[in-house]
Amino acid sequence: MSIEHVRLSEKAKQQLITLKRRTGIENWNVLCRWAFCLSLSEKAIPPHEDIMTDSSVEMTWKTFSGEQSEIYLALLKQRVYEDYKDHPETVDMNYLFKLHLHRGISYMLNRVHNLDDMIFL
């Protein structure tokens, strides 16, 4: 299993632009890492959603994950195991990653108004 590219919806792009302005963090990948981890920390499984990845924001998995690629992938696999332990082979990891990433971005938009808020997450 591997994720090659990370693509965002136009809505997520606009949310990240707002988060960049609020926090001063300029890199999409840094904000996306926080968002992904924030979503993983939620106990509930992200609801099914047809996410149109129609924005101009796209990065490789390596850009998203940096030198911690195996850690982010292991976190996702662990979450699949916890949520779908009866049938983990039926889970589309790319789709689940996209759900977590987009849910996390939405959560951050609602909870982060400045850089200090990110630290308290």
PDB file of N, CA and C in Angstrom:
ATOM      1  N   MET A   1       0.844  -1.180   0.000  1.00  0.00           N
ATOM      2  CA  MET A   1       0.000   0.000   0.000  1.00  0.00           C
ATOM      3  C   MET A   1       0.881   1.231   0.000  1.00  0.00           C
ATOM      4  N   SER A   2       0.574   2.126  -0.887  1.00  0.00           N
ATOM      5  CA  SER A   2       1.299   3.396  -0.853  1.00  0.00           C
ATOM      6  C   SER A   2       0.390   4.506  -1.376  1.00  0.00           C
ATOM      7  N   ILE A   3       0.622   5.655  -0.863  1.00  0.00           N
ATOM      8  CA  ILE A   3      -0.082   6.849  -1.315  1.00  0.00           C
ATOM      9  C   ILE A   3       0.938   7.655  -2.103  1.00  0.00           C
ATOM     10  N   GLU A   4       0.628   7.915  -3.348  1.00  0.00           N
ATOM     11  CA  GLU A   4       1.576   8.619  -4.210  1.00  0.00           C
ATOM     12  C   GLU A   4       1.411  10.134  -4.144  1.00  0.00           C
ATOM     13  N   HIS A   5       0.149  10.576  -4.249  1.00  0.00           N
ATOM     14  CA  HIS A   5      -0.125  12.007  -4.302  1.00  0.00           C
ATOM     15  C   HIS A   5      -1.180  12.393  -3.284  1.00  0.00           C
ATOM     16  N   VAL A   6      -1.051  13.593  -2.775  1.00  0.00           N
ATOM     17  CA  VAL A   6      -2.026  14.171  -1.857  1.00  0.00           C
ATOM     18  C   VAL A   6      -2.665  15.336  -2.601  1.00  0.00           C
ATOM     19  N   ARG A   7      -3.969  15.234  -2.781  1.00  0.00           N
ATOM     20  CA  ARG A   7      -4.710  16.291  -3.480  1.00  0.00           C
ATOM     21  C   ARG A   7      -5.796  16.811  -2.557  1.00  0.00           C
ATOM     22  N   LEU A   8      -6.060  18.091  -2.657  1.00  0.00           N
ATOM     23  CA  LEU A   8      -7.052  18.720  -1.796  1.00  0.00           C
ATOM     24  C   LEU A   8      -8.234  19.255  -2.591  1.00  0.00           C
ATOM     25  N   SER A   9      -9.351  19.346  -1.915  1.00  0.00           N
ATOM     26  CA  SER A   9     -10.532  19.975  -2.501  1.00  0.00           C
ATOM     27  C   SER A   9     -10.344  21.484  -2.506  1.00  0.00           C
ATOM     28  N   GLU A  10     -11.150  22.158  -3.293  1.00  0.00           N
ATOM     29  CA  GLU A  10     -11.103  23.625  -3.318  1.00  0.00           C
ATOM     30  C   GLU A  10     -11.488  24.192  -1.954  1.00  0.00           C
ATOM     31  N   LYS A  11     -12.456  23.565  -1.302  1.00  0.00           N
ATOM     32  CA  LYS A  11     -12.875  24.004   0.033  1.00  0.00           C
ATOM     33  C   LYS A  11     -11.712  23.893   1.016  1.00  0.00           C
ATOM     34  N   ALA A  12     -11.002  22.768   0.992  1.00  0.00           N
ATOM     35  CA  ALA A  12      -9.855  22.577   1.888  1.00  0.00           C
ATOM     36  C   ALA A  12      -8.753  23.591   1.580  1.00  0.00           C
ATOM     37  N   LYS A  13      -8.552  23.874   0.310  1.00  0.00           N
ATOM     38  CA  LYS A  13      -7.548  24.875  -0.075  1.00  0.00           C
ATOM     39  C   LYS A  13      -7.876  26.223   0.550  1.00  0.00           C
ATOM     40  N   GLN A  14      -9.134  26.631   0.454  1.00  0.00           N
ATOM     41  CA  GLN A  14      -9.544  27.918   1.025  1.00  0.00           C
ATOM     42  C   GLN A  14      -9.396  27.915   2.549  1.00  0.00           C
ATOM     43  N   GLN A  15      -9.709  26.791   3.169  1.00  0.00           N
ATOM     44  CA  GLN A  15      -9.553  26.675   4.622  1.00  0.00           C
ATOM     45  C   GLN A  15      -8.082  26.777   5.007  1.00  0.00           C
ATOM     46  N   LEU A  16      -7.206  26.147   4.231  1.00  0.00           N
ATOM     47  CA  LEU A  16      -5.769  26.221   4.514  1.00  0.00           C
ATOM     48  C   LEU A  16      -5.233  27.638   4.311  1.00  0.00           C
ATOM     49  N   ILE A  17      -5.745  28.342   3.331  1.00  0.00           N
ATOM     50  CA  ILE A  17      -5.329  29.735   3.128  1.00  0.00           C
ATOM     51  C   ILE A  17      -5.660  30.548   4.372  1.00  0.00           C
ATOM     52  N   THR A  18      -6.838  30.331   4.937  1.00  0.00           N
ATOM     53  CA  THR A  18      -7.231  31.022   6.166  1.00  0.00           C
ATOM     54  C   THR A  18      -6.305  30.620   7.317  1.00  0.00           C
ATOM     55  N   LEU A  19      -6.004  29.324   7.426  1.00  0.00           N
ATOM     56  CA  LEU A  19      -5.122  28.852   8.501  1.00  0.00           C
ATOM     57  C   LEU A  19      -3.709  29.395   8.341  1.00  0.00           C
ATOM     58  N   LYS A  20      -3.237  29.506   7.119  1.00  0.00           N
ATOM     59  CA  LYS A  20      -1.915  30.084   6.881  1.00  0.00           C
ATOM     60  C   LYS A  20      -1.877  31.525   7.371  1.00  0.00           C
ATOM     61  N   ARG A  21      -2.929  32.259   7.075  1.00  0.00           N
ATOM     62  CA  ARG A  21      -3.009  33.664   7.505  1.00  0.00           C
ATOM     63  C   ARG A  21      -3.075  33.753   9.033  1.00  0.00           C
ATOM     64  N   ARG A  22      -3.855  32.899   9.659  1.00  0.00           N
ATOM     65  CA  ARG A  22      -4.016  32.947  11.115  1.00  0.00           C
ATOM     66  C   ARG A  22      -2.756  32.550  11.868  1.00  0.00           C
ATOM     67  N   THR A  23      -2.031  31.564  11.339  1.00  0.00           N
ATOM     68  CA  THR A  23      -0.895  31.009  12.083  1.00  0.00           C
ATOM     69  C   THR A  23       0.463  31.523  11.628  1.00  0.00           C
ATOM     70  N   GLY A  24       0.537  32.005  10.408  1.00  0.00           N
ATOM     71  CA  GLY A  24       1.826  32.395   9.856  1.00  0.00           C
ATOM     72  C   GLY A  24       2.602  31.211   9.297  1.00  0.00           C
ATOM     73  N   ILE A  25       2.044  30.019   9.358  1.00  0.00           N
ATOM     74  CA  ILE A  25       2.687  28.831   8.784  1.00  0.00           C
ATOM     75  C   ILE A  25       2.446  28.855   7.284  1.00  0.00           C
ATOM     76  N   GLU A  26       3.508  28.894   6.517  1.00  0.00           N
ATOM     77  CA  GLU A  26       3.394  29.099   5.073  1.00  0.00           C
ATOM     78  C   GLU A  26       3.276  27.822   4.260  1.00  0.00           C
ATOM     79  N   ASN A  27       3.692  26.702   4.798  1.00  0.00           N
ATOM     80  CA  ASN A  27       3.749  25.475   4.001  1.00  0.00           C
ATOM     81  C   ASN A  27       2.492  24.635   4.153  1.00  0.00           C
ATOM     82  N   TRP A  28       1.906  24.289   3.002  1.00  0.00           N
ATOM     83  CA  TRP A  28       0.710  23.444   2.993  1.00  0.00           C
ATOM     84  C   TRP A  28       0.958  22.146   3.747  1.00  0.00           C
ATOM     85  N   ASN A  29       2.111  21.525   3.489  1.00  0.00           N
ATOM     86  CA  ASN A  29       2.370  20.199   4.056  1.00  0.00           C
ATOM     87  C   ASN A  29       2.414  20.214   5.584  1.00  0.00           C
ATOM     88  N   VAL A  30       2.927  21.262   6.173  1.00  0.00           N
ATOM     89  CA  VAL A  30       2.987  21.344   7.636  1.00  0.00           C
ATOM     90  C   VAL A  30       1.573  21.397   8.216  1.00  0.00           C
ATOM     91  N   LEU A  31       0.740  22.251   7.639  1.00  0.00           N
ATOM     92  CA  LEU A  31      -0.646  22.347   8.106  1.00  0.00           C
ATOM     93  C   LEU A  31      -1.387  21.033   7.874  1.00  0.00           C
ATOM     94  N   CYS A  32      -1.133  20.396   6.742  1.00  0.00           N
ATOM     95  CA  CYS A  32      -1.804  19.122   6.441  1.00  0.00           C
ATOM     96  C   CYS A  32      -1.383  18.025   7.416  1.00  0.00           C
ATOM     97  N   ARG A  33      -0.136  18.007   7.823  1.00  0.00           N
ATOM     98  CA  ARG A  33       0.315  17.009   8.810  1.00  0.00           C
ATOM     99  C   ARG A  33      -0.437  17.190  10.124  1.00  0.00           C
ATOM    100  N   TRP A  34      -0.544  18.434  10.575  1.00  0.00           N
ATOM    101  CA  TRP A  34      -1.282  18.715  11.812  1.00  0.00           C
ATOM    102  C   TRP A  34      -2.728  18.265  11.664  1.00  0.00           C
ATOM    103  N   ALA A  35      -3.322  18.595  10.529  1.00  0.00           N
ATOM    104  CA  ALA A  35      -4.734  18.265  10.290  1.00  0.00           C
ATOM    105  C   ALA A  35      -4.946  16.751  10.291  1.00  0.00           C
ATOM    106  N   PHE A  36      -4.083  16.036   9.629  1.00  0.00           N
ATOM    107  CA  PHE A  36      -4.180  14.580   9.576  1.00  0.00           C
ATOM    108  C   PHE A  36      -4.110  13.981  10.976  1.00  0.00           C
ATOM    109  N   CYS A  37      -3.146  14.414  11.756  1.00  0.00           N
ATOM    110  CA  CYS A  37      -2.995  13.894  13.118  1.00  0.00           C
ATOM    111  C   CYS A  37      -4.171  14.287  14.009  1.00  0.00           C
ATOM    112  N   LEU A  38      -4.692  15.488  13.825  1.00  0.00           N
ATOM    113  CA  LEU A  38      -5.851  15.927  14.595  1.00  0.00           C
ATOM    114  C   LEU A  38      -7.047  15.025  14.315  1.00  0.00           C
ATOM    115  N   SER A  39      -7.268  14.709  13.060  1.00  0.00           N
ATOM    116  CA  SER A  39      -8.374  13.819  12.717  1.00  0.00           C
ATOM    117  C   SER A  39      -8.155  12.422  13.284  1.00  0.00           C
ATOM    118  N   LEU A  40      -6.933  11.923  13.210  1.00  0.00           N
ATOM    119  CA  LEU A  40      -6.649  10.595  13.763  1.00  0.00           C
ATOM    120  C   LEU A  40      -6.907  10.541  15.262  1.00  0.00           C
ATOM    121  N   SER A  41      -6.751  11.661  15.945  1.00  0.00           N
ATOM    122  CA  SER A  41      -6.949  11.672  17.399  1.00  0.00           C
ATOM    123  C   SER A  41      -8.430  11.583  17.780  1.00  0.00           C
ATOM    124  N   GLU A  42      -9.307  11.843  16.835  1.00  0.00           N
ATOM    125  CA  GLU A  42     -10.742  11.698  17.068  1.00  0.00           C
ATOM    126  C   GLU A  42     -11.099  10.221  17.094  1.00  0.00           C
ATOM    127  N   LYS A  43     -11.929   9.819  18.029  1.00  0.00           N
ATOM    128  CA  LYS A  43     -12.312   8.408  18.139  1.00  0.00           C
ATOM    129  C   LYS A  43     -13.261   7.973  17.032  1.00  0.00           C
ATOM    130  N   ALA A  44     -14.112   8.878  16.574  1.00  0.00           N
ATOM    131  CA  ALA A  44     -15.112   8.524  15.564  1.00  0.00           C
ATOM    132  C   ALA A  44     -14.471   8.317  14.195  1.00  0.00           C
ATOM    133  N   ILE A  45     -15.023   7.371  13.460  1.00  0.00           N
ATOM    134  CA  ILE A  45     -14.604   7.143  12.084  1.00  0.00           C
ATOM    135  C   ILE A  45     -15.122   8.322  11.253  1.00  0.00           C
ATOM    136  N   PRO A  46     -14.301   8.871  10.365  1.00  0.00           N
ATOM    137  CA  PRO A  46     -14.796   9.978   9.548  1.00  0.00           C
ATOM    138  C   PRO A  46     -15.978   9.510   8.692  1.00  0.00           C
ATOM    139  N   PRO A  47     -17.000  10.324   8.577  1.00  0.00           N
ATOM    140  CA  PRO A  47     -18.145   9.915   7.765  1.00  0.00           C
ATOM    141  C   PRO A  47     -17.787   9.866   6.283  1.00  0.00           C
ATOM    142  N   HIS A  48     -18.474   8.969   5.576  1.00  0.00           N
ATOM    143  CA  HIS A  48     -18.272   8.879   4.127  1.00  0.00           C
ATOM    144  C   HIS A  48     -18.600  10.222   3.487  1.00  0.00           C
ATOM    145  N   GLU A  49     -17.758  10.617   2.563  1.00  0.00           N
ATOM    146  CA  GLU A  49     -17.958  11.888   1.882  1.00  0.00           C
ATOM    147  C   GLU A  49     -17.317  11.786   0.506  1.00  0.00           C
ATOM    148  N   ASP A  50     -18.014  12.238  -0.491  1.00  0.00           N
ATOM    149  CA  ASP A  50     -17.429  12.309  -1.826  1.00  0.00           C
ATOM    150  C   ASP A  50     -16.672  13.623  -1.928  1.00  0.00           C
ATOM    151  N   ILE A  51     -15.372  13.544  -1.805  1.00  0.00           N
ATOM    152  CA  ILE A  51     -14.534  14.742  -1.805  1.00  0.00           C
ATOM    153  C   ILE A  51     -13.950  14.929  -3.201  1.00  0.00           C
ATOM    154  N   MET A  52     -14.300  16.028  -3.803  1.00  0.00           N
ATOM    155  CA  MET A  52     -13.756  16.374  -5.113  1.00  0.00           C
ATOM    156  C   MET A  52     -12.404  17.054  -4.897  1.00  0.00           C
ATOM    157  N   THR A  53     -11.361  16.402  -5.322  1.00  0.00           N
ATOM    158  CA  THR A  53     -10.027  16.995  -5.168  1.00  0.00           C
ATOM    159  C   THR A  53      -9.748  17.856  -6.400  1.00  0.00           C
ATOM    160  N   ASP A  54     -10.410  18.999  -6.408  1.00  0.00           N
ATOM    161  CA  ASP A  54     -10.438  19.851  -7.588  1.00  0.00           C
ATOM    162  C   ASP A  54      -9.621  21.132  -7.451  1.00  0.00           C
ATOM    163  N   SER A  55      -8.818  21.231  -6.424  1.00  0.00           N
ATOM    164  CA  SER A  55      -8.031  22.461  -6.258  1.00  0.00           C
ATOM    165  C   SER A  55      -6.682  22.316  -6.951  1.00  0.00           C
ATOM    166  N   SER A  56      -5.942  23.394  -6.925  1.00  0.00           N
ATOM    167  CA  SER A  56      -4.595  23.378  -7.498  1.00  0.00           C
ATOM    168  C   SER A  56      -3.553  22.905  -6.483  1.00  0.00           C
ATOM    169  N   VAL A  57      -4.005  22.531  -5.285  1.00  0.00           N
ATOM    170  CA  VAL A  57      -3.062  22.080  -4.263  1.00  0.00           C
ATOM    171  C   VAL A  57      -2.860  20.579  -4.400  1.00  0.00           C
ATOM    172  N   GLU A  58      -1.642  20.230  -4.731  1.00  0.00           N
ATOM    173  CA  GLU A  58      -1.262  18.831  -4.873  1.00  0.00           C
ATOM    174  C   GLU A  58       0.187  18.716  -4.438  1.00  0.00           C
ATOM    175  N   MET A  59       0.476  17.641  -3.733  1.00  0.00           N
ATOM    176  CA  MET A  59       1.854  17.381  -3.313  1.00  0.00           C
ATOM    177  C   MET A  59       2.092  15.884  -3.340  1.00  0.00           C
ATOM    178  N   THR A  60       3.326  15.512  -3.418  1.00  0.00           N
ATOM    179  CA  THR A  60       3.642  14.094  -3.349  1.00  0.00           C
ATOM    180  C   THR A  60       3.517  13.634  -1.891  1.00  0.00           C
ATOM    181  N   TRP A  61       3.405  12.331  -1.708  1.00  0.00           N
ATOM    182  CA  TRP A  61       3.374  11.782  -0.359  1.00  0.00           C
ATOM    183  C   TRP A  61       4.643  12.181   0.383  1.00  0.00           C
ATOM    184  N   LYS A  62       5.774  12.162  -0.307  1.00  0.00           N
ATOM    185  CA  LYS A  62       7.054  12.515   0.325  1.00  0.00           C
ATOM    186  C   LYS A  62       7.041  13.960   0.813  1.00  0.00           C
ATOM    187  N   THR A  63       6.449  14.862   0.041  1.00  0.00           N
ATOM    188  CA  THR A  63       6.345  16.250   0.470  1.00  0.00           C
ATOM    189  C   THR A  63       5.434  16.360   1.684  1.00  0.00           C
ATOM    190  N   PHE A  64       4.308  15.660   1.641  1.00  0.00           N
ATOM    191  CA  PHE A  64       3.396  15.672   2.784  1.00  0.00           C
ATOM    192  C   PHE A  64       4.086  15.150   4.031  1.00  0.00           C
ATOM    193  N   SER A  65       4.705  13.985   3.924  1.00  0.00           N
ATOM    194  CA  SER A  65       5.198  13.279   5.108  1.00  0.00           C
ATOM    195  C   SER A  65       6.625  13.624   5.500  1.00  0.00           C
ATOM    196  N   GLY A  66       7.385  14.192   4.587  1.00  0.00           N
ATOM    197  CA  GLY A  66       8.771  14.512   4.898  1.00  0.00           C
ATOM    198  C   GLY A  66       9.569  13.257   5.199  1.00  0.00           C
ATOM    199  N   GLU A  67      10.472  13.380   6.133  1.00  0.00           N
ATOM    200  CA  GLU A  67      11.319  12.239   6.492  1.00  0.00           C
ATOM    201  C   GLU A  67      10.594  11.229   7.377  1.00  0.00           C
ATOM    202  N   GLN A  68       9.371  11.541   7.745  1.00  0.00           N
ATOM    203  CA  GLN A  68       8.597  10.674   8.651  1.00  0.00           C
ATOM    204  C   GLN A  68       7.558   9.842   7.897  1.00  0.00           C
ATOM    205  N   SER A  69       7.811   9.555   6.646  1.00  0.00           N
ATOM    206  CA  SER A  69       6.864   8.852   5.795  1.00  0.00           C
ATOM    207  C   SER A  69       6.335   7.569   6.436  1.00  0.00           C
ATOM    208  N   GLU A  70       7.230   6.756   6.948  1.00  0.00           N
ATOM    209  CA  GLU A  70       6.812   5.478   7.532  1.00  0.00           C
ATOM    210  C   GLU A  70       5.951   5.678   8.779  1.00  0.00           C
ATOM    211  N   ILE A  71       6.212   6.730   9.519  1.00  0.00           N
ATOM    212  CA  ILE A  71       5.425   6.992  10.733  1.00  0.00           C
ATOM    213  C   ILE A  71       3.997   7.379  10.358  1.00  0.00           C
ATOM    214  N   TYR A  72       3.842   8.288   9.394  1.00  0.00           N
ATOM    215  CA  TYR A  72       2.493   8.683   8.990  1.00  0.00           C
ATOM    216  C   TYR A  72       1.724   7.510   8.392  1.00  0.00           C
ATOM    217  N   LEU A  73       2.401   6.697   7.618  1.00  0.00           N
ATOM    218  CA  LEU A  73       1.756   5.520   7.041  1.00  0.00           C
ATOM    219  C   LEU A  73       1.385   4.518   8.133  1.00  0.00           C
ATOM    220  N   ALA A  74       2.254   4.343   9.108  1.00  0.00           N
ATOM    221  CA  ALA A  74       1.955   3.439  10.228  1.00  0.00           C
ATOM    222  C   ALA A  74       0.772   3.947  11.047  1.00  0.00           C
ATOM    223  N   LEU A  75       0.683   5.253  11.241  1.00  0.00           N
ATOM    224  CA  LEU A  75      -0.463   5.821  11.955  1.00  0.00           C
ATOM    225  C   LEU A  75      -1.767   5.527  11.216  1.00  0.00           C
ATOM    226  N   LEU A  76      -1.740   5.671   9.904  1.00  0.00           N
ATOM    227  CA  LEU A  76      -2.929   5.385   9.106  1.00  0.00           C
ATOM    228  C   LEU A  76      -3.279   3.897   9.169  1.00  0.00           C
ATOM    229  N   LYS A  77      -2.295   3.043   9.051  1.00  0.00           N
ATOM    230  CA  LYS A  77      -2.540   1.594   9.119  1.00  0.00           C
ATOM    231  C   LYS A  77      -3.080   1.196  10.486  1.00  0.00           C
ATOM    232  N   GLN A  78      -2.556   1.785  11.541  1.00  0.00           N
ATOM    233  CA  GLN A  78      -3.043   1.490  12.881  1.00  0.00           C
ATOM    234  C   GLN A  78      -4.502   1.895  13.016  1.00  0.00           C
ATOM    235  N   ARG A  79      -4.838   3.044  12.455  1.00  0.00           N
ATOM    236  CA  ARG A  79      -6.224   3.503  12.518  1.00  0.00           C
ATOM    237  C   ARG A  79      -7.144   2.566  11.742  1.00  0.00           C
ATOM    238  N   VAL A  80      -6.689   2.079  10.594  1.00  0.00           N
ATOM    239  CA  VAL A  80      -7.481   1.107   9.829  1.00  0.00           C
ATOM    240  C   VAL A  80      -7.697  -0.140  10.666  1.00  0.00           C
ATOM    241  N   TYR A  81      -6.649  -0.594  11.323  1.00  0.00           N
ATOM    242  CA  TYR A  81      -6.771  -1.784  12.175  1.00  0.00           C
ATOM    243  C   TYR A  81      -7.785  -1.546  13.292  1.00  0.00           C
ATOM    244  N   GLU A  82      -7.709  -0.407  13.945  1.00  0.00           N
ATOM    245  CA  GLU A  82      -8.622  -0.111  15.056  1.00  0.00           C
ATOM    246  C   GLU A  82     -10.073   0.015  14.593  1.00  0.00           C
ATOM    247  N   ASP A  83     -10.280   0.665  13.472  1.00  0.00           N
ATOM    248  CA  ASP A  83     -11.635   0.940  13.002  1.00  0.00           C
ATOM    249  C   ASP A  83     -12.255  -0.214  12.217  1.00  0.00           C
ATOM    250  N   TYR A  84     -11.423  -0.996  11.536  1.00  0.00           N
ATOM    251  CA  TYR A  84     -11.932  -2.034  10.627  1.00  0.00           C
ATOM    252  C   TYR A  84     -11.250  -3.373  10.867  1.00  0.00           C
ATOM    253  N   LYS A  85     -11.007  -3.703  12.121  1.00  0.00           N
ATOM    254  CA  LYS A  85     -10.222  -4.908  12.412  1.00  0.00           C
ATOM    255  C   LYS A  85     -10.831  -6.191  11.872  1.00  0.00           C
ATOM    256  N   ASP A  86     -12.148  -6.217  11.653  1.00  0.00           N
ATOM    257  CA  ASP A  86     -12.769  -7.421  11.105  1.00  0.00           C
ATOM    258  C   ASP A  86     -12.497  -7.591   9.617  1.00  0.00           C
ATOM    259  N   HIS A  87     -12.322  -6.473   8.903  1.00  0.00           N
ATOM    260  CA  HIS A  87     -12.116  -6.532   7.453  1.00  0.00           C
ATOM    261  C   HIS A  87     -11.168  -5.436   6.970  1.00  0.00           C
ATOM    262  N   PRO A  88      -9.942  -5.382   7.470  1.00  0.00           N
ATOM    263  CA  PRO A  88      -9.041  -4.292   7.073  1.00  0.00           C
ATOM    264  C   PRO A  88      -8.700  -4.314   5.578  1.00  0.00           C
ATOM    265  N   GLU A  89      -8.773  -5.480   4.966  1.00  0.00           N
ATOM    266  CA  GLU A  89      -8.423  -5.591   3.552  1.00  0.00           C
ATOM    267  C   GLU A  89      -9.446  -4.897   2.644  1.00  0.00           C
ATOM    268  N   THR A  90     -10.612  -4.588   3.162  1.00  0.00           N
ATOM    269  CA  THR A  90     -11.643  -3.934   2.350  1.00  0.00           C
ATOM    270  C   THR A  90     -11.506  -2.409   2.341  1.00  0.00           C
ATOM    271  N   VAL A  91     -10.585  -1.885   3.117  1.00  0.00           N
ATOM    272  CA  VAL A  91     -10.450  -0.435   3.256  1.00  0.00           C
ATOM    273  C   VAL A  91      -9.543   0.129   2.161  1.00  0.00           C
ATOM    274  N   ASP A  92     -10.012   1.175   1.519  1.00  0.00           N
ATOM    275  CA  ASP A  92      -9.214   1.912   0.548  1.00  0.00           C
ATOM    276  C   ASP A  92      -8.407   2.952   1.334  1.00  0.00           C
ATOM    277  N   MET A  93      -7.132   2.679   1.519  1.00  0.00           N
ATOM    278  CA  MET A  93      -6.279   3.535   2.350  1.00  0.00           C
ATOM    279  C   MET A  93      -6.188   4.962   1.795  1.00  0.00           C
ATOM    280  N   ASN A  94      -6.129   5.110   0.491  1.00  0.00           N
ATOM    281  CA  ASN A  94      -6.071   6.449  -0.100  1.00  0.00           C
ATOM    282  C   ASN A  94      -7.323   7.245   0.251  1.00  0.00           C
ATOM    283  N   TYR A  95      -8.464   6.589   0.146  1.00  0.00           N
ATOM    284  CA  TYR A  95      -9.737   7.243   0.454  1.00  0.00           C
ATOM    285  C   TYR A  95      -9.802   7.612   1.934  1.00  0.00           C
ATOM    286  N   LEU A  96      -9.417   6.683   2.808  1.00  0.00           N
ATOM    287  CA  LEU A  96      -9.447   6.954   4.241  1.00  0.00           C
ATOM    288  C   LEU A  96      -8.489   8.088   4.605  1.00  0.00           C
ATOM    289  N   PHE A  97      -7.320   8.101   3.994  1.00  0.00           N
ATOM    290  CA  PHE A  97      -6.382   9.201   4.226  1.00  0.00           C
ATOM    291  C   PHE A  97      -7.022  10.530   3.837  1.00  0.00           C
ATOM    292  N   LYS A  98      -7.662  10.561   2.675  1.00  0.00           N
ATOM    293  CA  LYS A  98      -8.306  11.788   2.198  1.00  0.00           C
ATOM    294  C   LYS A  98      -9.397  12.239   3.172  1.00  0.00           C
ATOM    295  N   LEU A  99     -10.184  11.294   3.686  1.00  0.00           N
ATOM    296  CA  LEU A  99     -11.229  11.643   4.657  1.00  0.00           C
ATOM    297  C   LEU A  99     -10.627  12.253   5.919  1.00  0.00           C
ATOM    298  N   HIS A 100      -9.582  11.615   6.439  1.00  0.00           N
ATOM    299  CA  HIS A 100      -8.945  12.128   7.658  1.00  0.00           C
ATOM    300  C   HIS A 100      -8.322  13.501   7.414  1.00  0.00           C
ATOM    301  N   LEU A 101      -7.648  13.653   6.302  1.00  0.00           N
ATOM    302  CA  LEU A 101      -7.001  14.931   6.011  1.00  0.00           C
ATOM    303  C   LEU A 101      -8.024  16.056   5.921  1.00  0.00           C
ATOM    304  N   HIS A 102      -9.084  15.838   5.185  1.00  0.00           N
ATOM    305  CA  HIS A 102     -10.089  16.888   5.012  1.00  0.00           C
ATOM    306  C   HIS A 102     -10.862  17.150   6.301  1.00  0.00           C
ATOM    307  N   ARG A 103     -11.156  16.099   7.068  1.00  0.00           N
ATOM    308  CA  ARG A 103     -11.826  16.326   8.351  1.00  0.00           C
ATOM    309  C   ARG A 103     -10.923  17.137   9.278  1.00  0.00           C
ATOM    310  N   GLY A 104      -9.645  16.791   9.301  1.00  0.00           N
ATOM    311  CA  GLY A 104      -8.700  17.510  10.153  1.00  0.00           C
ATOM    312  C   GLY A 104      -8.557  18.975   9.785  1.00  0.00           C
ATOM    313  N   ILE A 105      -8.568  19.272   8.492  1.00  0.00           N
ATOM    314  CA  ILE A 105      -8.485  20.661   8.053  1.00  0.00           C
ATOM    315  C   ILE A 105      -9.710  21.435   8.541  1.00  0.00           C
ATOM    316  N   SER A 106     -10.885  20.821   8.427  1.00  0.00           N
ATOM    317  CA  SER A 106     -12.110  21.481   8.913  1.00  0.00           C
ATOM    318  C   SER A 106     -12.057  21.702  10.415  1.00  0.00           C
ATOM    319  N   TYR A 107     -11.591  20.700  11.157  1.00  0.00           N
ATOM    320  CA  TYR A 107     -11.458  20.848  12.610  1.00  0.00           C
ATOM    321  C   TYR A 107     -10.524  21.996  12.957  1.00  0.00           C
ATOM    322  N   MET A 108      -9.387  22.051  12.245  1.00  0.00           N
ATOM    323  CA  MET A 108      -8.423  23.110  12.533  1.00  0.00           C
ATOM    324  C   MET A 108      -9.015  24.491  12.261  1.00  0.00           C
ATOM    325  N   LEU A 109      -9.766  24.609  11.193  1.00  0.00           N
ATOM    326  CA  LEU A 109     -10.363  25.898  10.864  1.00  0.00           C
ATOM    327  C   LEU A 109     -11.247  26.388  12.010  1.00  0.00           C
ATOM    328  N   ASN A 110     -11.950  25.462  12.645  1.00  0.00           N
ATOM    329  CA  ASN A 110     -12.846  25.825  13.739  1.00  0.00           C
ATOM    330  C   ASN A 110     -12.126  26.055  15.065  1.00  0.00           C
ATOM    331  N   ARG A 111     -10.951  25.490  15.230  1.00  0.00           N
ATOM    332  CA  ARG A 111     -10.260  25.543  16.523  1.00  0.00           C
ATOM    333  C   ARG A 111      -9.025  26.424  16.562  1.00  0.00           C
ATOM    334  N   VAL A 112      -8.483  26.771  15.419  1.00  0.00           N
ATOM    335  CA  VAL A 112      -7.207  27.487  15.375  1.00  0.00           C
ATOM    336  C   VAL A 112      -7.438  28.916  14.883  1.00  0.00           C
ATOM    337  N   HIS A 113      -7.128  29.860  15.766  1.00  0.00           N
ATOM    338  CA  HIS A 113      -7.252  31.271  15.411  1.00  0.00           C
ATOM    339  C   HIS A 113      -5.903  31.978  15.420  1.00  0.00           C
ATOM    340  N   ASN A 114      -4.886  31.286  15.954  1.00  0.00           N
ATOM    341  CA  ASN A 114      -3.525  31.815  15.951  1.00  0.00           C
ATOM    342  C   ASN A 114      -2.568  30.659  16.209  1.00  0.00           C
ATOM    343  N   LEU A 115      -1.292  30.934  16.165  1.00  0.00           N
ATOM    344  CA  LEU A 115      -0.289  29.885  16.331  1.00  0.00           C
ATOM    345  C   LEU A 115      -0.374  29.228  17.705  1.00  0.00           C
ATOM    346  N   ASP A 116      -0.687  29.983  18.727  1.00  0.00           N
ATOM    347  CA  ASP A 116      -0.814  29.412  20.071  1.00  0.00           C
ATOM    348  C   ASP A 116      -1.876  28.330  20.117  1.00  0.00           C
ATOM    349  N   ASP A 117      -2.977  28.525  19.387  1.00  0.00           N
ATOM    350  CA  ASP A 117      -4.034  27.511  19.358  1.00  0.00           C
ATOM    351  C   ASP A 117      -3.522  26.183  18.808  1.00  0.00           C
ATOM    352  N   MET A 118      -2.619  26.242  17.837  1.00  0.00           N
ATOM    353  CA  MET A 118      -2.065  25.007  17.278  1.00  0.00           C
ATOM    354  C   MET A 118      -1.252  24.265  18.334  1.00  0.00           C
ATOM    355  N   ILE A 119      -0.546  24.993  19.137  1.00  0.00           N
ATOM    356  CA  ILE A 119       0.276  24.378  20.175  1.00  0.00           C
ATOM    357  C   ILE A 119      -0.611  23.658  21.187  1.00  0.00           C
ATOM    358  N   PHE A 120      -1.765  24.231  21.497  1.00  0.00           N
ATOM    359  CA  PHE A 120      -2.657  23.627  22.493  1.00  0.00           C
ATOM    360  C   PHE A 120      -3.473  22.463  21.942  1.00  0.00           C
ATOM    361  N   LEU A 121      -3.448  22.268  20.628  1.00  0.00           N
ATOM    362  CA  LEU A 121      -4.154  21.108  20.066  1.00  0.00           C
ATOM    363  C   LEU A 121      -3.483  19.837  20.506  1.00  0.00           C
TER     364      LEU A 121
END
